[in-house]
Amino acid sequence: MNILLLLVGSITGLTIGVLGTGAGVLMIPGMIYLGGLTFQEAVGITLLMQTLPVGALGAYQYWEKGLLRLIPSIMIGVGMLLGITLGGYLATQGVIQETSLRKMFGVLAIITGFSMLV
């Protein structure tokens, strides 16, 4: 299981570095189906992996090329902090059941994928 989770993390990291996305789309299903974790455990790990220590090295590559704007980054970061705090509370306190979370995730993945294709 640990080797499979290492593989999920490596593929996700590569995808995030290239496309800027993938943590949720790749890691969550990978951790659930290959690692045997629950949806909420997978979300918790995904949130931890998206924190400063993991993303900083990749972000530095973009900063170095002048492709990282600080003010929009700070504004989005503050918004994410608020949203993640509320979302984490709703998902972990039983306000939203795991089956509903899985469905919401699937719908979001479909909508996002379709919009990127179009």
N, C-alpha and C. Protein backbone atom coordinates (compact mmCIF):
# COMPACT_ATOMS: atom_id res chain seq x y z
N MET A 1 0.82 -1.20 0.00
CA MET A 1 0.00 0.00 0.00
C MET A 1 0.87 1.26 0.00
N ASN A 2 1.94 1.30 0.79
CA ASN A 2 2.78 2.49 0.86
C ASN A 2 3.43 2.80 -0.48
N ILE A 3 3.83 1.77 -1.22
CA ILE A 3 4.43 1.98 -2.54
C ILE A 3 3.39 2.56 -3.49
N LEU A 4 2.15 2.08 -3.43
CA LEU A 4 1.09 2.61 -4.28
C LEU A 4 0.81 4.07 -3.94
N LEU A 5 0.81 4.41 -2.66
CA LEU A 5 0.59 5.80 -2.26
C LEU A 5 1.77 6.68 -2.70
N LEU A 6 2.99 6.16 -2.66
CA LEU A 6 4.15 6.89 -3.16
C LEU A 6 3.99 7.16 -4.66
N LEU A 7 3.50 6.17 -5.39
CA LEU A 7 3.25 6.33 -6.82
C LEU A 7 2.17 7.37 -7.07
N VAL A 8 1.09 7.31 -6.31
CA VAL A 8 0.01 8.30 -6.45
C VAL A 8 0.58 9.70 -6.20
N GLY A 9 1.38 9.86 -5.15
CA GLY A 9 1.97 11.16 -4.84
C GLY A 9 2.92 11.64 -5.93
N SER A 10 3.72 10.74 -6.47
CA SER A 10 4.67 11.12 -7.52
C SER A 10 3.96 11.56 -8.79
N ILE A 11 2.97 10.81 -9.22
CA ILE A 11 2.22 11.16 -10.43
C ILE A 11 1.48 12.48 -10.21
N THR A 12 0.90 12.63 -9.04
CA THR A 12 0.19 13.87 -8.72
C THR A 12 1.15 15.05 -8.71
N GLY A 13 2.30 14.88 -8.09
CA GLY A 13 3.30 15.95 -8.04
C GLY A 13 3.74 16.38 -9.43
N LEU A 14 3.97 15.41 -10.28
CA LEU A 14 4.36 15.72 -11.66
C LEU A 14 3.25 16.50 -12.37
N THR A 15 2.02 16.06 -12.20
CA THR A 15 0.89 16.72 -12.83
C THR A 15 0.70 18.14 -12.30
N ILE A 16 0.84 18.31 -11.00
CA ILE A 16 0.70 19.64 -10.40
C ILE A 16 1.80 20.55 -10.93
N GLY A 17 3.02 20.05 -11.01
CA GLY A 17 4.13 20.86 -11.49
C GLY A 17 3.95 21.31 -12.92
N VAL A 18 3.35 20.48 -13.74
CA VAL A 18 3.18 20.79 -15.16
C VAL A 18 1.90 21.59 -15.41
N LEU A 19 0.79 21.15 -14.82
CA LEU A 19 -0.51 21.74 -15.11
C LEU A 19 -1.07 22.63 -14.00
N GLY A 20 -0.50 22.55 -12.80
CA GLY A 20 -1.01 23.33 -11.69
C GLY A 20 -2.25 22.73 -11.05
N THR A 21 -2.59 21.53 -11.43
CA THR A 21 -3.76 20.87 -10.87
C THR A 21 -3.51 19.38 -10.77
N GLY A 22 -4.35 18.70 -10.11
CA GLY A 22 -4.20 17.25 -10.02
C GLY A 22 -4.34 16.72 -8.61
N ALA A 23 -4.13 17.57 -7.62
CA ALA A 23 -4.15 17.06 -6.25
C ALA A 23 -5.47 16.37 -5.94
N GLY A 24 -6.55 17.06 -6.20
CA GLY A 24 -7.83 16.43 -5.91
C GLY A 24 -8.20 15.38 -6.92
N VAL A 25 -8.03 15.71 -8.18
CA VAL A 25 -8.47 14.83 -9.26
C VAL A 25 -7.70 13.51 -9.27
N LEU A 26 -6.43 13.55 -8.96
CA LEU A 26 -5.62 12.33 -8.98
C LEU A 26 -5.43 11.71 -7.60
N MET A 27 -5.10 12.53 -6.62
CA MET A 27 -4.76 11.99 -5.30
C MET A 27 -5.96 11.36 -4.59
N ILE A 28 -7.07 12.03 -4.63
CA ILE A 28 -8.22 11.52 -3.85
C ILE A 28 -8.67 10.15 -4.36
N PRO A 29 -8.95 9.99 -5.66
CA PRO A 29 -9.31 8.63 -6.11
C PRO A 29 -8.17 7.63 -5.89
N GLY A 30 -6.93 8.06 -6.11
CA GLY A 30 -5.80 7.16 -5.90
C GLY A 30 -5.70 6.67 -4.47
N MET A 31 -5.87 7.57 -3.52
CA MET A 31 -5.79 7.18 -2.11
C MET A 31 -6.96 6.29 -1.71
N ILE A 32 -8.12 6.55 -2.28
CA ILE A 32 -9.31 5.75 -1.95
C ILE A 32 -9.19 4.35 -2.54
N TYR A 33 -8.93 4.27 -3.84
CA TYR A 33 -8.97 2.98 -4.53
C TYR A 33 -7.67 2.19 -4.44
N LEU A 34 -6.54 2.86 -4.35
CA LEU A 34 -5.27 2.14 -4.23
C LEU A 34 -4.78 2.05 -2.79
N GLY A 35 -5.11 3.05 -2.00
CA GLY A 35 -4.61 3.09 -0.63
C GLY A 35 -5.61 2.65 0.42
N GLY A 36 -6.86 2.46 0.02
CA GLY A 36 -7.87 1.99 0.97
C GLY A 36 -8.31 3.02 2.00
N LEU A 37 -8.09 4.31 1.72
CA LEU A 37 -8.48 5.36 2.66
C LEU A 37 -9.92 5.79 2.41
N THR A 38 -10.54 6.41 3.40
CA THR A 38 -11.87 6.97 3.22
C THR A 38 -11.76 8.28 2.46
N PHE A 39 -12.87 8.77 1.96
CA PHE A 39 -12.88 10.04 1.24
C PHE A 39 -12.35 11.16 2.13
N GLN A 40 -12.83 11.22 3.35
CA GLN A 40 -12.43 12.29 4.25
C GLN A 40 -10.95 12.19 4.64
N GLU A 41 -10.42 10.98 4.80
CA GLU A 41 -8.99 10.83 5.05
C GLU A 41 -8.18 11.33 3.86
N ALA A 42 -8.65 11.00 2.67
CA ALA A 42 -7.95 11.43 1.45
C ALA A 42 -7.97 12.95 1.31
N VAL A 43 -9.08 13.56 1.65
CA VAL A 43 -9.17 15.03 1.58
C VAL A 43 -8.21 15.66 2.59
N GLY A 44 -8.17 15.12 3.79
CA GLY A 44 -7.26 15.65 4.81
C GLY A 44 -5.81 15.57 4.36
N ILE A 45 -5.42 14.45 3.79
CA ILE A 45 -4.05 14.30 3.30
C ILE A 45 -3.79 15.27 2.15
N THR A 46 -4.76 15.42 1.25
CA THR A 46 -4.61 16.33 0.12
C THR A 46 -4.42 17.76 0.60
N LEU A 47 -5.18 18.16 1.61
CA LEU A 47 -5.03 19.51 2.16
C LEU A 47 -3.64 19.71 2.75
N LEU A 48 -3.16 18.72 3.47
CA LEU A 48 -1.83 18.81 4.06
C LEU A 48 -0.76 18.90 2.98
N MET A 49 -0.93 18.13 1.92
CA MET A 49 0.08 18.10 0.86
C MET A 49 0.11 19.39 0.04
N GLN A 50 -0.96 20.17 0.09
CA GLN A 50 -1.00 21.42 -0.67
C GLN A 50 -0.48 22.60 0.12
N THR A 51 0.00 22.36 1.32
CA THR A 51 0.49 23.46 2.14
C THR A 51 1.87 23.91 1.67
N LEU A 52 2.35 24.96 2.25
CA LEU A 52 3.57 25.63 1.83
C LEU A 52 4.77 24.72 1.57
N PRO A 53 5.14 23.81 2.45
CA PRO A 53 6.37 23.05 2.18
C PRO A 53 6.35 22.27 0.88
N VAL A 54 5.24 21.75 0.48
CA VAL A 54 5.18 20.93 -0.72
C VAL A 54 5.12 21.81 -1.97
N GLY A 55 4.31 22.83 -1.97
CA GLY A 55 4.14 23.67 -3.14
C GLY A 55 5.23 24.71 -3.34
N ALA A 56 5.98 25.01 -2.29
CA ALA A 56 6.96 26.09 -2.36
C ALA A 56 8.02 25.86 -3.43
N LEU A 57 8.52 24.66 -3.55
CA LEU A 57 9.57 24.39 -4.53
C LEU A 57 9.05 24.54 -5.96
N GLY A 58 7.85 24.05 -6.21
CA GLY A 58 7.27 24.22 -7.53
C GLY A 58 6.95 25.68 -7.82
N ALA A 59 6.40 26.38 -6.83
CA ALA A 59 6.07 27.80 -7.01
C ALA A 59 7.34 28.61 -7.28
N TYR A 60 8.44 28.23 -6.67
CA TYR A 60 9.71 28.94 -6.88
C TYR A 60 10.12 28.89 -8.35
N GLN A 61 9.86 27.77 -9.01
CA GLN A 61 10.20 27.65 -10.43
C GLN A 61 9.44 28.70 -11.25
N TYR A 62 8.19 28.94 -10.90
CA TYR A 62 7.38 29.94 -11.60
C TYR A 62 7.81 31.35 -11.21
N TRP A 63 8.13 31.56 -9.93
CA TRP A 63 8.60 32.87 -9.45
C TRP A 63 9.89 33.26 -10.17
N GLU A 64 10.77 32.32 -10.30
CA GLU A 64 12.06 32.56 -10.93
C GLU A 64 11.90 33.04 -12.38
N LYS A 65 10.87 32.60 -13.06
CA LYS A 65 10.62 32.99 -14.45
C LYS A 65 9.68 34.20 -14.56
N GLY A 66 9.34 34.79 -13.41
CA GLY A 66 8.46 35.96 -13.42
C GLY A 66 7.00 35.63 -13.69
N LEU A 67 6.61 34.40 -13.40
CA LEU A 67 5.25 33.96 -13.70
C LEU A 67 4.37 33.81 -12.46
N LEU A 68 4.81 34.37 -11.35
CA LEU A 68 4.04 34.28 -10.11
C LEU A 68 3.78 35.69 -9.59
N ARG A 69 2.52 36.12 -9.61
CA ARG A 69 2.16 37.46 -9.15
C ARG A 69 1.72 37.38 -7.69
N LEU A 70 2.34 38.18 -6.83
CA LEU A 70 2.13 38.07 -5.39
C LEU A 70 0.76 38.55 -4.92
N ILE A 71 0.30 39.72 -5.37
CA ILE A 71 -0.98 40.24 -4.87
C ILE A 71 -2.13 39.29 -5.17
N PRO A 72 -2.29 38.83 -6.42
CA PRO A 72 -3.37 37.85 -6.66
C PRO A 72 -3.17 36.57 -5.84
N SER A 73 -1.92 36.16 -5.67
CA SER A 73 -1.65 34.95 -4.88
C SER A 73 -2.09 35.12 -3.44
N ILE A 74 -1.80 36.27 -2.86
CA ILE A 74 -2.17 36.54 -1.47
C ILE A 74 -3.69 36.60 -1.33
N MET A 75 -4.35 37.29 -2.25
CA MET A 75 -5.81 37.41 -2.18
C MET A 75 -6.48 36.04 -2.30
N ILE A 76 -6.02 35.25 -3.25
CA ILE A 76 -6.59 33.91 -3.41
C ILE A 76 -6.27 33.06 -2.19
N GLY A 77 -5.07 33.19 -1.65
CA GLY A 77 -4.68 32.43 -0.46
C GLY A 77 -5.55 32.74 0.74
N VAL A 78 -5.87 34.01 0.95
CA VAL A 78 -6.75 34.39 2.07
C VAL A 78 -8.14 33.81 1.84
N GLY A 79 -8.64 33.91 0.61
CA GLY A 79 -9.95 33.33 0.29
C GLY A 79 -9.96 31.82 0.51
N MET A 80 -8.88 31.16 0.09
CA MET A 80 -8.79 29.72 0.28
C MET A 80 -8.76 29.35 1.75
N LEU A 81 -8.03 30.13 2.54
CA LEU A 81 -7.97 29.88 3.98
C LEU A 81 -9.37 29.90 4.59
N LEU A 82 -10.14 30.91 4.22
CA LEU A 82 -11.51 31.00 4.74
C LEU A 82 -12.37 29.84 4.23
N GLY A 83 -12.29 29.57 2.92
CA GLY A 83 -13.10 28.50 2.34
C GLY A 83 -12.73 27.12 2.85
N ILE A 84 -11.43 26.86 2.97
CA ILE A 84 -10.97 25.56 3.46
C ILE A 84 -11.39 25.35 4.91
N THR A 85 -11.34 26.41 5.70
CA THR A 85 -11.75 26.29 7.10
C THR A 85 -13.23 25.93 7.19
N LEU A 86 -14.07 26.64 6.45
CA LEU A 86 -15.50 26.34 6.45
C LEU A 86 -15.77 24.96 5.86
N GLY A 87 -15.14 24.65 4.72
CA GLY A 87 -15.35 23.36 4.07
C GLY A 87 -14.91 22.20 4.94
N GLY A 88 -13.76 22.36 5.60
CA GLY A 88 -13.27 21.32 6.50
C GLY A 88 -14.22 21.07 7.65
N TYR A 89 -14.78 22.14 8.17
CA TYR A 89 -15.75 22.01 9.26
C TYR A 89 -16.99 21.25 8.77
N LEU A 90 -17.54 21.67 7.64
CA LEU A 90 -18.75 21.03 7.12
C LEU A 90 -18.54 19.55 6.81
N ALA A 91 -17.36 19.22 6.26
CA ALA A 91 -17.09 17.84 5.85
C ALA A 91 -16.75 16.93 7.02
N THR A 92 -16.16 17.47 8.07
CA THR A 92 -15.73 16.61 9.18
C THR A 92 -16.73 16.56 10.34
N GLN A 93 -17.68 17.45 10.37
CA GLN A 93 -18.64 17.48 11.46
C GLN A 93 -19.95 16.77 11.13
N GLY A 94 -19.97 16.10 9.98
CA GLY A 94 -21.17 15.34 9.61
C GLY A 94 -22.26 16.19 8.98
N VAL A 95 -21.97 17.45 8.70
CA VAL A 95 -22.96 18.31 8.06
C VAL A 95 -23.21 17.81 6.63
N ILE A 96 -22.15 17.34 5.98
CA ILE A 96 -22.25 16.76 4.64
C ILE A 96 -21.74 15.32 4.74
N GLN A 97 -22.56 14.36 4.38
CA GLN A 97 -22.20 12.94 4.49
C GLN A 97 -21.18 12.55 3.41
N GLU A 98 -20.41 11.49 3.68
CA GLU A 98 -19.36 11.05 2.75
C GLU A 98 -19.93 10.69 1.38
N THR A 99 -21.08 10.07 1.33
CA THR A 99 -21.65 9.72 0.02
C THR A 99 -21.95 10.99 -0.79
N SER A 100 -22.43 12.02 -0.13
CA SER A 100 -22.69 13.29 -0.81
C SER A 100 -21.38 13.94 -1.24
N LEU A 101 -20.35 13.85 -0.41
CA LEU A 101 -19.05 14.42 -0.75
C LEU A 101 -18.49 13.76 -2.01
N ARG A 102 -18.62 12.44 -2.09
CA ARG A 102 -18.14 11.72 -3.27
C ARG A 102 -18.88 12.17 -4.53
N LYS A 103 -20.18 12.32 -4.43
CA LYS A 103 -20.97 12.76 -5.58
C LYS A 103 -20.60 14.18 -5.98
N MET A 104 -20.44 15.06 -5.00
CA MET A 104 -20.05 16.44 -5.29
C MET A 104 -18.70 16.47 -5.98
N PHE A 105 -17.77 15.66 -5.51
CA PHE A 105 -16.44 15.58 -6.11
C PHE A 105 -16.54 15.12 -7.56
N GLY A 106 -17.33 14.09 -7.81
CA GLY A 106 -17.49 13.57 -9.17
C GLY A 106 -18.09 14.60 -10.11
N VAL A 107 -19.12 15.29 -9.65
CA VAL A 107 -19.76 16.31 -10.49
C VAL A 107 -18.76 17.44 -10.79
N LEU A 108 -18.02 17.87 -9.79
CA LEU A 108 -17.03 18.93 -9.99
C LEU A 108 -15.95 18.49 -10.98
N ALA A 109 -15.49 17.25 -10.87
CA ALA A 109 -14.47 16.74 -11.78
C ALA A 109 -15.00 16.71 -13.22
N ILE A 110 -16.25 16.30 -13.40
CA ILE A 110 -16.84 16.25 -14.74
C ILE A 110 -16.99 17.65 -15.31
N ILE A 111 -17.53 18.57 -14.52
CA ILE A 111 -17.71 19.95 -14.99
C ILE A 111 -16.36 20.58 -15.34
N THR A 112 -15.38 20.40 -14.47
CA THR A 112 -14.06 20.97 -14.72
C THR A 112 -13.44 20.37 -15.96
N GLY A 113 -13.49 19.07 -16.07
CA GLY A 113 -12.92 18.41 -17.25
C GLY A 113 -13.59 18.85 -18.53
N PHE A 114 -14.92 18.94 -18.53
CA PHE A 114 -15.64 19.37 -19.71
C PHE A 114 -15.28 20.80 -20.09
N SER A 115 -15.21 21.69 -19.10
CA SER A 115 -14.89 23.08 -19.40
C SER A 115 -13.48 23.23 -19.96
N MET A 116 -12.55 22.40 -19.52
CA MET A 116 -11.19 22.47 -20.04
C MET A 116 -11.13 21.93 -21.46
N LEU A 117 -11.93 20.93 -21.77
CA LEU A 117 -11.95 20.38 -23.13
C LEU A 117 -12.55 21.37 -24.13
N VAL A 118 -13.56 22.10 -23.68
CA VAL A 118 -14.24 23.07 -24.55
C VAL A 118 -13.38 24.31 -24.64
